[in-house]
Protein backbone atom coordinates (compact mmCIF):
# COMPACT_ATOMS: atom_id res chain seq x y z
CA MET A 1 80.28 27.69 51.44
CA ARG A 2 78.42 24.41 51.99
CA GLN A 3 75.70 26.32 53.84
CA LEU A 4 75.38 28.73 50.92
CA ASN A 5 75.13 25.86 48.45
CA ARG A 6 72.49 24.21 50.62
CA LYS A 7 70.45 27.43 50.69
CA SER A 8 70.83 27.80 46.95
CA MET A 9 69.65 24.27 46.37
CA VAL A 10 66.64 24.79 48.65
CA LEU A 11 65.76 27.99 46.80
CA LEU A 12 66.19 26.30 43.43
CA LEU A 13 63.98 23.41 44.53
CA ALA A 14 61.29 25.84 45.67
CA VAL A 15 61.35 27.59 42.29
CA VAL A 16 61.12 24.29 40.42
CA MET A 17 58.17 23.13 42.54
CA SER A 18 56.37 26.43 41.95
CA VAL A 19 56.75 26.04 38.21
CA VAL A 20 55.45 22.47 38.41
CA PHE A 21 52.42 23.50 40.47
CA VAL A 22 51.60 26.36 38.09
CA ALA A 23 51.90 24.05 35.09
CA CYS A 24 49.69 21.41 36.70
CA GLY A 25 47.16 24.03 37.66
CA SER A 26 47.15 25.36 34.11
CA ASN A 27 46.64 21.88 32.67
CA SER A 28 43.87 21.19 35.16
CA ASP A 29 42.11 24.42 34.25
CA SER A 30 42.34 23.66 30.52
CA LYS A 31 40.89 20.21 31.06
CA SER A 32 38.01 21.44 33.22
CA ALA A 33 37.15 24.39 30.98
CA PRO A 34 33.94 23.52 29.10
CA ALA A 35 34.02 23.43 25.33
CA LYS A 36 32.36 26.37 23.60
CA GLN A 37 28.70 25.54 22.99
CA VAL A 38 27.19 26.22 19.58
CA GLU A 39 23.47 26.98 19.23
CA LEU A 40 21.68 25.67 16.15
CA THR A 41 18.40 27.23 15.03
CA VAL A 42 16.03 24.70 13.51
CA SER A 43 13.03 26.02 11.58
CA ALA A 44 10.46 23.24 11.70
CA ALA A 45 6.85 22.61 10.74
CA ALA A 46 4.50 23.13 13.69
CA SER A 47 3.35 19.50 13.50
CA LEU A 48 6.84 18.41 14.59
CA THR A 49 6.70 20.30 17.90
CA ASP A 50 6.15 17.39 20.30
CA ALA A 51 8.52 14.95 18.62
CA LEU A 52 11.38 17.44 18.33
CA ASN A 53 10.93 18.61 21.92
CA GLU A 54 11.43 15.00 23.02
CA ILE A 55 14.41 14.50 20.73
CA GLN A 56 16.14 17.68 21.92
CA PRO A 57 17.46 16.41 25.31
CA LEU A 58 18.52 13.11 23.72
CA PHE A 59 20.59 14.94 21.12
CA GLU A 60 22.04 17.49 23.54
CA THR A 61 23.10 14.75 25.94
CA ALA A 62 24.90 12.96 23.12
CA HIS A 63 26.39 16.24 21.85
CA PRO A 64 26.89 18.59 24.84
CA ASP A 65 28.72 21.12 22.64
CA ILE A 66 25.52 21.78 20.65
CA LYS A 67 22.33 23.46 21.90
CA LEU A 68 19.12 23.43 19.88
CA ALA A 69 16.68 26.30 19.43
CA PHE A 70 13.45 25.63 17.54
CA ASN A 71 11.45 28.00 15.38
CA PHE A 72 8.09 26.28 14.81
CA GLY A 73 5.58 27.54 12.29
CA ALA A 74 3.80 27.01 8.99
CA SER A 75 6.17 25.66 6.34
CA GLY A 76 5.35 28.46 3.92
CA ALA A 77 6.15 31.08 6.54
CA LEU A 78 9.42 29.34 7.42
CA GLN A 79 10.37 29.27 3.75
CA GLN A 80 9.76 33.02 3.47
CA GLN A 81 11.79 33.72 6.60
CA ILE A 82 14.82 31.93 5.16
CA GLU A 83 14.36 33.68 1.81
CA GLN A 84 14.42 37.00 3.67
CA GLY A 85 17.63 36.14 5.49
CA ALA A 86 16.33 35.09 8.89
CA PRO A 87 18.94 33.06 10.80
CA ALA A 88 18.46 29.30 10.50
CA ASP A 89 20.81 26.34 10.32
CA LEU A 90 18.34 23.63 9.28
CA ILE A 91 14.76 23.49 8.08
CA ILE A 92 12.25 20.65 8.25
CA SER A 93 9.24 21.39 6.08
CA ALA A 94 5.90 19.64 5.89
CA ALA A 95 5.82 19.92 2.12
CA THR A 96 8.29 19.14 -0.64
CA LYS A 97 7.34 22.28 -2.56
CA ASN A 98 8.67 24.56 0.19
CA MET A 99 12.02 22.77 0.27
CA GLN A 100 12.23 22.69 -3.52
CA ALA A 101 11.64 26.45 -3.65
CA LEU A 102 14.63 26.97 -1.34
CA VAL A 103 16.77 24.61 -3.42
CA ASP A 104 15.77 26.45 -6.61
CA LYS A 105 16.86 29.74 -5.02
CA GLN A 106 20.15 28.10 -4.00
CA LEU A 107 19.46 28.64 -0.31
CA ILE A 108 19.59 24.89 0.35
CA ASP A 109 22.15 22.58 -1.25
CA ALA A 110 20.30 19.87 -3.19
CA ASP A 111 22.79 17.31 -1.87
CA ARG A 112 22.13 18.29 1.74
CA GLN A 113 18.38 17.68 1.81
CA THR A 114 16.30 14.52 1.91
CA ASN A 115 12.81 13.30 2.75
CA LEU A 116 12.84 12.55 6.48
CA LEU A 117 9.27 11.50 7.32
CA ASN A 118 5.75 10.94 6.04
CA ASN A 119 2.39 11.81 7.55
CA GLU A 120 -1.31 11.54 6.70
CA LEU A 121 -4.27 13.89 6.72
CA VAL A 122 -7.28 13.28 8.98
CA VAL A 123 -10.38 15.16 10.05
CA VAL A 124 -10.85 15.63 13.78
CA VAL A 125 -13.94 16.52 15.80
CA PRO A 126 -14.38 17.54 19.46
CA THR A 127 -14.73 14.54 21.77
CA ASP A 128 -18.02 16.04 22.99
CA GLY A 129 -19.14 17.06 19.50
CA LYS A 130 -22.74 16.52 18.44
CA ALA A 131 -22.35 16.44 14.65
CA ALA A 132 -22.15 13.00 13.04
CA ILE A 133 -19.16 13.14 10.72
CA ALA A 134 -17.74 10.03 9.09
CA SER A 135 -16.75 11.25 5.61
CA ALA A 136 -15.88 14.40 3.69
CA ALA A 137 -19.45 14.59 2.38
CA ASP A 138 -20.72 14.93 5.97
CA LEU A 139 -18.96 18.30 6.29
CA ALA A 140 -21.73 19.74 4.12
CA LYS A 141 -24.41 18.86 6.71
CA ASP A 142 -26.35 21.74 8.28
CA GLU A 143 -25.22 20.84 11.80
CA VAL A 144 -21.61 21.44 10.76
CA LYS A 145 -21.28 25.22 11.06
CA LYS A 146 -17.49 25.67 10.94
CA VAL A 147 -14.67 23.63 9.42
CA ALA A 148 -11.12 24.63 10.39
CA ILE A 149 -8.36 24.46 7.81
CA GLY A 150 -4.82 25.83 7.55
CA ILE A 151 -4.34 28.74 5.15
CA PRO A 152 -3.74 26.81 1.90
CA GLU A 153 -1.18 29.29 0.58
CA SER A 154 1.18 28.93 3.56
CA VAL A 155 0.11 25.86 5.56
CA PRO A 156 0.80 22.53 3.83
CA ALA A 157 -1.99 20.76 5.76
CA GLY A 158 -4.37 23.39 4.41
CA SER A 159 -3.06 22.90 0.89
CA TYR A 160 -3.52 19.13 1.15
CA ALA A 161 -7.04 19.64 2.54
CA LYS A 162 -7.96 22.00 -0.30
CA GLU A 163 -6.66 19.46 -2.79
CA ALA A 164 -8.70 16.65 -1.23
CA LEU A 165 -11.89 18.73 -1.01
CA THR A 166 -11.47 19.94 -4.60
CA ASN A 167 -11.11 16.37 -5.82
CA ALA A 168 -14.25 15.46 -3.85
CA GLN A 169 -16.04 18.44 -5.47
CA LEU A 170 -16.73 19.95 -2.04
CA TRP A 171 -14.31 22.90 -1.93
CA ASP A 172 -16.58 25.56 -3.43
CA GLY A 173 -19.64 24.51 -1.47
CA LEU A 174 -17.79 24.57 1.88
CA GLN A 175 -16.36 28.08 1.45
CA PRO A 176 -18.89 29.77 3.80
CA LYS A 177 -17.98 27.31 6.58
CA LEU A 178 -14.21 27.43 6.36
CA VAL A 179 -12.20 29.00 9.18
CA GLN A 180 -8.58 29.47 8.17
CA ALA A 181 -5.71 29.12 10.67
CA LYS A 182 -2.06 30.20 10.65
CA ASP A 183 -0.80 26.64 11.18
CA VAL A 184 -2.03 23.12 11.85
CA ARG A 185 -1.78 23.53 15.63
CA GLN A 186 -4.20 26.44 15.51
CA VAL A 187 -6.62 24.26 13.53
CA LEU A 188 -6.39 21.71 16.32
CA GLN A 189 -7.04 24.42 18.89
CA TYR A 190 -10.17 25.62 17.05
CA VAL A 191 -11.63 22.11 17.22
CA GLU A 192 -10.52 21.52 20.84
CA THR A 193 -12.29 24.70 21.98
CA GLY A 194 -15.46 23.99 20.00
CA ASN A 195 -14.96 26.94 17.66
CA ALA A 196 -15.21 24.47 14.78
CA GLU A 197 -17.15 21.24 14.47
CA ALA A 198 -14.34 19.69 12.41
CA GLY A 199 -10.80 20.41 11.26
CA PHE A 200 -8.18 19.07 8.87
CA VAL A 201 -4.95 18.15 10.68
CA TYR A 202 -2.22 15.56 10.46
CA LYS A 203 -2.67 12.23 12.19
CA THR A 204 0.27 13.13 14.43
CA ASP A 205 -1.49 16.27 15.66
CA ALA A 206 -4.69 14.38 16.39
CA LEU A 207 -2.76 11.91 18.56
CA THR A 208 -1.42 14.70 20.78
CA SER A 209 -4.83 15.77 22.05
CA ASP A 210 -7.40 14.06 24.26
CA LYS A 211 -9.94 16.77 23.42
CA VAL A 212 -10.46 15.60 19.85
CA GLY A 213 -11.10 12.34 18.07
CA ILE A 214 -10.39 11.27 14.51
CA ALA A 215 -13.65 11.30 12.54
CA PHE A 216 -12.07 9.81 9.44
CA SER A 217 -8.81 9.56 7.51
CA VAL A 218 -8.82 11.55 4.29
CA ASP A 219 -8.53 9.37 1.19
CA PRO A 220 -4.76 9.34 0.49
CA ALA A 221 -5.45 9.12 -3.24
CA SER A 222 -7.14 12.53 -3.12
CA TYR A 223 -4.09 14.60 -2.14
CA THR A 224 -0.33 14.76 -2.67
CA PRO A 225 1.64 12.49 -0.31
CA VAL A 226 2.68 14.31 2.87
CA GLU A 227 6.47 14.39 3.00
CA TYR A 228 8.76 16.13 5.48
CA PRO A 229 12.07 17.03 3.82
CA ILE A 230 15.01 18.18 5.96
CA GLY A 231 17.78 20.40 4.66
CA ILE A 232 20.85 22.34 5.79
CA VAL A 233 20.68 26.07 5.10
CA LYS A 234 23.63 27.20 2.98
CA ALA A 235 24.06 30.39 5.00
CA THR A 236 24.67 28.51 8.27
CA LYS A 237 27.78 29.58 10.17
CA ASN A 238 27.86 26.22 11.91
CA ALA A 239 28.07 23.81 8.99
CA ASP A 240 29.85 21.02 10.89
CA GLN A 241 27.39 21.04 13.79
CA ALA A 242 24.43 21.32 11.42
CA ALA A 243 25.69 18.21 9.62
CA VAL A 244 25.85 16.37 12.95
CA LEU A 245 22.20 17.19 13.68
CA TYR A 246 21.17 16.43 10.09
CA ASP A 247 22.61 12.93 10.45
CA TYR A 248 21.25 12.43 13.98
CA LEU A 249 17.67 13.18 12.95
CA GLN A 250 17.96 10.35 10.43
CA SER A 251 19.35 7.94 13.03
CA GLN A 252 17.29 5.09 14.45
CA ALA A 253 17.15 6.78 17.86
CA ALA A 254 15.47 9.87 16.40
CA LEU A 255 13.26 7.98 13.95
CA ASP A 256 11.91 5.85 16.82
CA VAL A 257 10.68 9.03 18.52
CA PHE A 258 9.06 10.31 15.32
CA VAL A 259 7.27 6.97 14.84
CA LYS A 260 6.09 7.11 18.45
CA TYR A 261 4.27 10.34 17.60
CA GLY A 262 2.56 8.84 14.56
CA PHE A 263 4.94 9.71 11.73
CA SER A 264 6.03 7.05 9.28
CA VAL A 265 9.49 6.57 7.86
CA PRO A 266 10.10 6.48 4.08
CA ALA A 267 11.04 3.05 2.80
CA ALA A 268 14.52 4.26 1.85
CA LYS A 269 15.34 5.19 5.47
């Protein structure tokens, strides 16, 4: 009888230990299982490419449960994509008018958008260029054959350039020389490759290239201030994570990177 009880106790102990090991293993597995990662799609003006690519690993390290995917392009094109239902969680435009259009169509909540950055318009020339260009009036010289500019209807930098040239009474006269580009980065490329003697880009774009130099800064009084509003798309399926990124991009860590690339921060920031 004692032997039977001893065997029963040994068997019972074995069962208890098995349950404990299974429970521990289950807890261990649950702790080691990675959290589900959410991917956020950010539609952003092409001029933000370098800064956002540097910010991405900083943000993802701080928030390992969120992965960023960028859709860079002209702000007007990005606006149209969102209007047509293309997936996007946030948008950073290079013009207030594009953001306002989305707010007016109730695709962006007015309370979830703000001006993030400022920029300025400059004219760049190839570093080995021969034409002497120091002002907008010099673009009319005979040695300047081509002037690159973003498509004014869809590229904010092109719209600002058109505004500045119109105010300087040069827009009509320069029409035969203008080469229009799909975004500001293509303008930069035209000048880098010598396919244009000059081009209108943002200061931040000029600073990314060693193949161009800044000929002159466009008179800031001649065009609408360059503002970069950021907003959360109402249709996002990841509202909480989008809010985390929205706040992070306004943090000092992110703003320091933007400033490094030549952007300026609004006084309210």
